[in-house]
Amino acid sequence: LQRRHTLEALRSPQVDLSAPTACDADPMLVRAAMHHGEPLNHDCPVCESPRLALLRHAFGHQLGQYSGRIRTLDELEEMEHQFGEFHV
């Protein structure tokens, strides 16, 4: 609820809130995006940074130790044939 309130405040003309304050991505997530993310062609919807990236995490019991790791689209397509059901 607090995050929703912050995002609503960012769009409200009555509240003086800077976009970088509202954009609160976890530092580990930001680092992962810098090194493993797939660059996107649009800006961040919160802070309007042009450095928006997509991360894909794969989860599933059948993935074992590989569950929760970041995967590229090519890796996910390959995993589709090797493993049973998993979620991205």
Protein backbone atom coordinates (compact mmCIF):
# COMPACT_ATOMS: atom_id res chain seq x y z
CA LEU A 1 0.00 0.00 0.00
CA GLN A 2 2.84 2.37 0.75
CA ARG A 3 4.33 1.82 -2.71
CA ARG A 4 0.96 2.46 -4.35
CA HIS A 5 0.60 5.65 -2.32
CA THR A 6 4.08 6.79 -3.41
CA LEU A 7 3.33 6.15 -7.08
CA GLU A 8 0.03 8.01 -6.82
CA ALA A 9 1.81 10.90 -5.12
CA LEU A 10 4.34 11.02 -7.95
CA ARG A 11 1.54 11.65 -10.42
CA SER A 12 -0.24 14.17 -8.23
CA PRO A 13 0.48 17.85 -8.94
CA GLN A 14 -0.12 18.73 -5.28
CA VAL A 15 2.79 16.63 -3.98
CA ASP A 16 6.43 17.52 -4.55
CA LEU A 17 8.02 14.09 -4.96
CA SER A 18 10.96 13.45 -7.24
CA ALA A 19 10.92 10.46 -9.59
CA PRO A 20 14.23 8.99 -8.32
CA THR A 21 12.73 8.91 -4.82
CA ALA A 22 9.76 6.90 -6.08
CA CYS A 23 11.86 4.49 -8.13
CA ASP A 24 13.01 2.15 -5.37
CA ALA A 25 14.32 -0.93 -7.15
CA ASP A 26 16.41 -3.18 -4.94
CA PRO A 27 20.16 -2.58 -5.50
CA MET A 28 20.75 -6.29 -6.17
CA LEU A 29 18.02 -6.24 -8.81
CA VAL A 30 19.56 -3.15 -10.42
CA ARG A 31 22.98 -4.84 -10.56
CA ALA A 32 21.47 -8.00 -12.04
CA ALA A 33 19.70 -5.92 -14.68
CA MET A 34 22.93 -4.12 -15.56
CA HIS A 35 24.83 -7.37 -16.11
CA HIS A 36 22.17 -9.84 -17.24
CA GLY A 37 19.18 -7.77 -18.35
CA GLU A 38 17.81 -7.46 -21.83
CA PRO A 39 17.58 -3.75 -22.72
CA LEU A 40 14.07 -2.53 -23.52
CA ASN A 41 13.09 0.16 -25.99
CA HIS A 42 11.05 2.23 -23.55
CA ASP A 43 11.73 4.26 -20.45
CA CYS A 44 10.99 3.35 -16.85
CA PRO A 45 7.34 4.19 -16.14
CA VAL A 46 8.29 5.60 -12.72
CA CYS A 47 11.52 7.58 -13.07
CA GLU A 48 11.64 7.77 -16.89
CA SER A 49 15.20 6.42 -16.99
CA PRO A 50 16.08 5.15 -20.47
CA ARG A 51 18.02 2.24 -18.95
CA LEU A 52 15.09 -0.15 -18.43
CA ALA A 53 15.96 -3.84 -18.68
CA LEU A 54 14.02 -7.10 -18.59
CA LEU A 55 15.08 -9.97 -16.32
CA ARG A 56 13.55 -13.43 -16.62
CA HIS A 57 13.73 -15.70 -13.57
CA ALA A 58 12.76 -19.36 -14.00
CA PHE A 59 11.13 -21.22 -11.10
CA GLY A 60 9.99 -24.80 -10.73
CA HIS A 61 10.50 -27.96 -8.68
CA GLN A 62 11.89 -29.85 -11.65
CA LEU A 63 14.60 -27.22 -12.16
CA GLY A 64 16.24 -28.21 -8.88
CA GLN A 65 19.30 -26.06 -8.18
CA TYR A 66 18.58 -24.00 -11.31
CA SER A 67 15.26 -22.71 -9.96
CA GLY A 68 15.23 -18.96 -9.34
CA ARG A 69 18.07 -18.15 -11.71
CA ILE A 70 18.03 -15.51 -14.42
CA ARG A 71 17.67 -16.93 -17.92
CA THR A 72 17.78 -15.52 -21.43
CA LEU A 73 14.94 -16.18 -23.84
CA ASP A 74 17.13 -18.65 -25.76
CA GLU A 75 17.94 -20.52 -22.55
CA LEU A 76 14.26 -20.68 -21.64
CA GLU A 77 13.38 -22.13 -25.03
CA GLU A 78 16.09 -24.76 -24.58
CA MET A 79 14.93 -25.54 -21.04
CA GLU A 80 11.42 -26.05 -22.36
CA HIS A 81 12.62 -29.29 -23.96
CA GLN A 82 14.78 -30.44 -21.03
CA PHE A 83 12.50 -29.86 -18.06
CA GLY A 84 8.86 -30.30 -17.23
CA GLU A 85 6.72 -27.46 -16.02
CA PHE A 86 8.32 -24.25 -14.79
CA HIS A 87 7.31 -20.61 -14.43
CA VAL A 88 9.05 -17.46 -15.62
